[in-house]
Amino acid sequence: MADVPYSKMFTTGCGAPLKIRAGHFASNHAHLNYYIDVTTLKTRSNEAHEIANALTRMYLNGMVIDTIVCMEGTEVIGAFLSEELTKSGFLNTNAHKTIYVVAPENNYNSQLIFRDNLIPEITGKNIMILMAMVSTGKTLNKAMECVQYYGGKLAGVSALFSELEDYEGEPILAVFGKKDLPDYGHWDYRSCPLCQAGKKLDALVNAYGYQML
């Protein structure tokens, strides 16, 4: 996919760009007409900090966040986000008055788990789930079920990009969304219009990157 051009997309309230590539892509859950590349947003410190600032401005005053659960490699953003929330005066109930930043682990059954040493940072805590991408909502659903299983209280959901404005009644606060990329779409492979038009897949993709075909 190195020869496939990508474009940079900006949105209101954020100085960091989102990189997008048009084409025909397959994720674990769907076929997509764009690959959304969040690599530098997650790994370049100035862009990760910009995303954290943009998210902090979206949160409501009075929101209580004890722990940020980072999904899909968003730990760098999560660390900056915890710092910005603390500086901005957001509340948490932790004794040390700072916010935990953690990531779940996938076990051999592809279930999300927390090891015993991290469970105290989840159980009874107000949890913000931080996603890289929300498209079908299936990965988010796994994260929500994991938090619930370990006794966490969902305080909110944030994302770098989300096609959905909410999931099962829970609002998703996303820096980028359909407002920025209105023709973004995903389909079951059995009803994919790109497949039906005979267009071959360009790559397999997920929130971590792509593998060319």
Protein backbone atom coordinates (compact mmCIF):
# COMPACT_ATOMS: atom_id res chain seq x y z
CA MET A 1 0.00 0.00 0.00
CA ALA A 2 3.08 2.24 -0.09
CA ASP A 3 2.06 3.58 -3.49
CA VAL A 4 -1.50 4.38 -2.39
CA PRO A 5 -1.75 8.13 -1.65
CA TYR A 6 -3.06 9.31 1.68
CA SER A 7 -4.42 12.67 2.69
CA LYS A 8 -4.36 14.58 5.94
CA MET A 9 -7.59 15.68 7.55
CA PHE A 10 -7.97 18.31 10.26
CA THR A 11 -10.92 18.99 12.52
CA THR A 12 -12.11 21.85 14.69
CA GLY A 13 -10.35 22.10 18.03
CA CYS A 14 -7.36 19.90 17.19
CA GLY A 15 -4.09 20.79 15.50
CA ALA A 16 -3.02 17.21 14.82
CA PRO A 17 -4.02 15.69 11.46
CA LEU A 18 -5.70 12.37 10.80
CA LYS A 19 -4.23 10.41 7.90
CA ILE A 20 -6.68 8.60 5.64
CA ARG A 21 -6.35 6.34 2.59
CA ALA A 22 -9.24 5.51 0.30
CA GLY A 23 -9.49 1.93 -0.96
CA HIS A 24 -10.89 -1.48 -0.04
CA PHE A 25 -9.85 -2.81 3.33
CA ALA A 26 -10.86 -5.65 5.64
CA SER A 27 -10.85 -5.55 9.44
CA ASN A 28 -11.74 -8.38 11.81
CA HIS A 29 -15.36 -7.26 11.73
CA ALA A 30 -16.09 -5.54 8.41
CA HIS A 31 -14.98 -4.29 5.01
CA LEU A 32 -14.10 -0.59 4.88
CA ASN A 33 -13.69 2.06 2.20
CA TYR A 34 -11.00 3.95 4.14
CA TYR A 35 -7.94 3.01 6.13
CA ILE A 36 -7.64 5.51 8.93
CA ASP A 37 -4.02 5.73 10.01
CA VAL A 38 -3.73 6.83 13.65
CA THR A 39 -0.09 5.76 13.99
CA THR A 40 1.48 9.15 14.57
CA LEU A 41 -1.43 10.31 16.73
CA LYS A 42 -0.59 7.46 19.09
CA THR A 43 3.21 7.49 18.89
CA ARG A 44 4.39 11.05 18.15
CA SER A 45 4.42 12.89 21.47
CA ASN A 46 3.33 16.31 20.21
CA GLU A 47 0.38 14.83 18.30
CA ALA A 48 -0.60 12.56 21.20
CA HIS A 49 -0.54 15.59 23.50
CA GLU A 50 -2.71 17.55 21.05
CA ILE A 51 -5.27 14.72 20.99
CA ALA A 52 -5.28 14.65 24.80
CA ASN A 53 -5.90 18.41 24.90
CA ALA A 54 -8.75 18.12 22.40
CA LEU A 55 -10.41 15.33 24.39
CA THR A 56 -10.06 17.21 27.69
CA ARG A 57 -11.99 20.14 26.23
CA MET A 58 -14.87 17.78 25.38
CA TYR A 59 -15.37 16.52 28.91
CA LEU A 60 -17.98 17.97 31.23
CA ASN A 61 -16.94 19.77 34.39
CA GLY A 62 -17.67 17.60 37.37
CA MET A 63 -16.87 14.35 35.55
CA VAL A 64 -15.00 11.96 37.85
CA ILE A 65 -12.28 9.84 36.24
CA ASP A 66 -10.14 7.52 38.35
CA THR A 67 -8.71 5.26 35.66
CA ILE A 68 -8.17 5.50 31.91
CA VAL A 69 -8.38 2.10 30.21
CA CYS A 70 -6.33 2.40 27.02
CA MET A 71 -7.35 0.24 24.08
CA GLU A 72 -5.58 -0.35 20.76
CA GLY A 73 -2.21 1.15 21.72
CA THR A 74 -3.42 4.49 23.05
CA GLU A 75 -1.30 4.47 26.21
CA VAL A 76 0.79 7.52 25.23
CA ILE A 77 -2.37 9.55 24.69
CA GLY A 78 -3.78 8.14 27.93
CA ALA A 79 -0.75 9.38 29.88
CA PHE A 80 -1.06 12.89 28.44
CA LEU A 81 -4.82 12.79 29.00
CA SER A 82 -4.42 11.93 32.68
CA GLU A 83 -1.99 14.84 33.04
CA GLU A 84 -4.31 17.31 31.30
CA LEU A 85 -7.35 16.18 33.28
CA THR A 86 -5.46 16.61 36.54
CA LYS A 87 -4.19 20.06 35.55
CA SER A 88 -7.69 21.09 34.48
CA GLY A 89 -9.13 20.23 37.87
CA PHE A 90 -11.13 17.13 36.98
CA LEU A 91 -11.99 15.07 40.02
CA ASN A 92 -10.89 11.56 40.93
CA THR A 93 -11.47 9.52 44.07
CA ASN A 94 -7.97 8.04 44.26
CA ALA A 95 -6.15 8.60 47.55
CA HIS A 96 -3.07 9.99 45.79
CA LYS A 97 -5.22 12.36 43.65
CA THR A 98 -3.79 11.20 40.35
CA ILE A 99 -5.30 9.05 37.58
CA TYR A 100 -4.35 5.47 36.75
CA VAL A 101 -3.51 4.64 33.13
CA VAL A 102 -3.82 0.94 32.30
CA ALA A 103 -4.34 -1.41 29.35
CA PRO A 104 -6.06 -4.81 29.36
CA GLU A 105 -4.45 -7.99 28.12
CA ASN A 106 -5.82 -10.47 25.58
CA ASN A 107 -5.81 -14.05 26.89
CA TYR A 108 -5.59 -17.20 24.77
CA ASN A 109 -9.37 -17.05 24.19
CA SER A 110 -9.09 -13.46 22.88
CA GLN A 111 -10.84 -12.23 26.01
CA LEU A 112 -9.79 -9.00 27.69
CA ILE A 113 -8.41 -9.51 31.19
CA PHE A 114 -6.61 -7.60 33.92
CA ARG A 115 -4.00 -9.34 36.04
CA ASP A 116 -4.48 -9.41 39.80
CA ASN A 117 -2.06 -6.53 40.38
CA LEU A 118 -4.16 -4.20 38.19
CA ILE A 119 -7.61 -5.19 39.42
CA PRO A 120 -7.53 -2.65 42.33
CA GLU A 121 -7.17 0.08 39.68
CA ILE A 122 -10.43 -1.07 38.06
CA THR A 123 -12.76 -2.37 40.76
CA GLY A 124 -14.96 0.39 42.14
CA LYS A 125 -13.20 3.01 40.01
CA ASN A 126 -14.72 5.51 37.57
CA ILE A 127 -13.40 4.33 34.22
CA MET A 128 -12.81 6.26 31.00
CA ILE A 129 -12.33 3.89 28.04
CA LEU A 130 -9.98 5.33 25.43
CA MET A 131 -10.29 3.83 21.93
CA ALA A 132 -8.24 4.46 18.82
CA MET A 133 -11.11 3.60 16.47
CA VAL A 134 -14.81 2.86 16.80
CA SER A 135 -16.45 1.52 13.68
CA THR A 136 -18.76 -1.43 14.31
CA GLY A 137 -18.52 -1.06 18.11
CA LYS A 138 -17.54 -4.70 18.69
CA THR A 139 -14.14 -3.93 20.21
CA LEU A 140 -15.69 -1.22 22.37
CA ASN A 141 -18.30 -3.69 23.53
CA LYS A 142 -15.55 -6.07 24.68
CA ALA A 143 -13.90 -3.25 26.61
CA MET A 144 -17.17 -2.26 28.27
CA GLU A 145 -17.89 -5.86 29.25
CA CYS A 146 -14.37 -6.19 30.67
CA VAL A 147 -14.75 -3.07 32.82
CA GLN A 148 -18.12 -4.30 34.05
CA TYR A 149 -16.76 -7.78 34.82
CA TYR A 150 -14.03 -6.37 37.06
CA GLY A 151 -16.44 -4.07 38.89
CA GLY A 152 -15.51 -0.78 37.28
CA LYS A 153 -18.00 2.05 36.79
CA LEU A 154 -18.07 3.43 33.25
CA ALA A 155 -17.52 7.20 33.34
CA GLY A 156 -17.32 7.64 29.57
CA VAL A 157 -15.90 6.56 26.22
CA SER A 158 -13.39 8.54 24.17
CA ALA A 159 -11.91 7.85 20.75
CA LEU A 160 -9.54 9.30 18.21
CA PHE A 161 -12.01 8.47 15.43
CA SER A 162 -15.55 7.15 15.77
CA GLU A 163 -18.11 6.45 13.11
CA LEU A 164 -20.68 6.16 15.91
CA GLU A 165 -21.89 9.03 18.10
CA ASP A 166 -22.95 6.61 20.82
CA TYR A 167 -22.96 2.90 21.59
CA GLU A 168 -25.81 1.27 23.50
CA GLY A 169 -26.79 4.69 24.84
CA GLU A 170 -23.26 5.64 25.93
CA PRO A 171 -22.03 8.82 24.16
CA ILE A 172 -18.67 8.51 22.40
CA LEU A 173 -16.53 11.64 22.61
CA ALA A 174 -14.33 11.48 19.50
CA VAL A 175 -11.86 13.98 18.09
CA PHE A 176 -12.64 12.90 14.50
CA GLY A 177 -15.87 11.38 13.19
CA LYS A 178 -18.40 11.17 10.40
CA LYS A 179 -18.64 14.95 10.43
CA ASP A 180 -15.09 15.00 9.07
CA LEU A 181 -15.37 11.98 6.76
CA PRO A 182 -19.06 11.67 5.83
CA ASP A 183 -18.58 8.99 3.16
CA TYR A 184 -16.73 6.62 5.52
CA GLY A 185 -18.50 3.28 5.50
CA HIS A 186 -18.24 -0.31 6.69
CA TRP A 187 -20.14 -3.40 5.56
CA ASP A 188 -20.40 -7.09 6.23
CA TYR A 189 -18.29 -8.85 3.61
CA ARG A 190 -21.42 -10.51 2.24
CA SER A 191 -22.97 -7.15 1.38
CA CYS A 192 -19.85 -5.10 0.63
CA PRO A 193 -20.46 -2.90 -2.45
CA LEU A 194 -16.73 -2.85 -3.21
CA CYS A 195 -16.65 -6.65 -3.37
CA GLN A 196 -19.78 -6.65 -5.49
CA ALA A 197 -18.08 -4.21 -7.88
CA GLY A 198 -15.16 -6.63 -8.22
CA LYS A 199 -12.62 -4.44 -6.40
CA LYS A 200 -9.91 -6.52 -4.71
CA LEU A 201 -8.84 -5.90 -1.12
CA ASP A 202 -5.86 -3.62 -0.68
CA ALA A 203 -4.93 -4.64 2.86
CA LEU A 204 -6.00 -6.16 6.14
CA VAL A 205 -6.28 -3.41 8.74
CA ASN A 206 -6.93 -2.78 12.41
CA ALA A 207 -6.25 0.02 14.88
CA TYR A 208 -2.57 -0.98 15.04
CA GLY A 209 -1.84 -0.83 11.31
CA TYR A 210 -2.18 -2.71 8.03
CA GLN A 211 -0.88 -5.76 6.19
CA MET A 212 -0.79 -5.53 2.43
CA LEU A 213 -2.35 -8.24 0.29
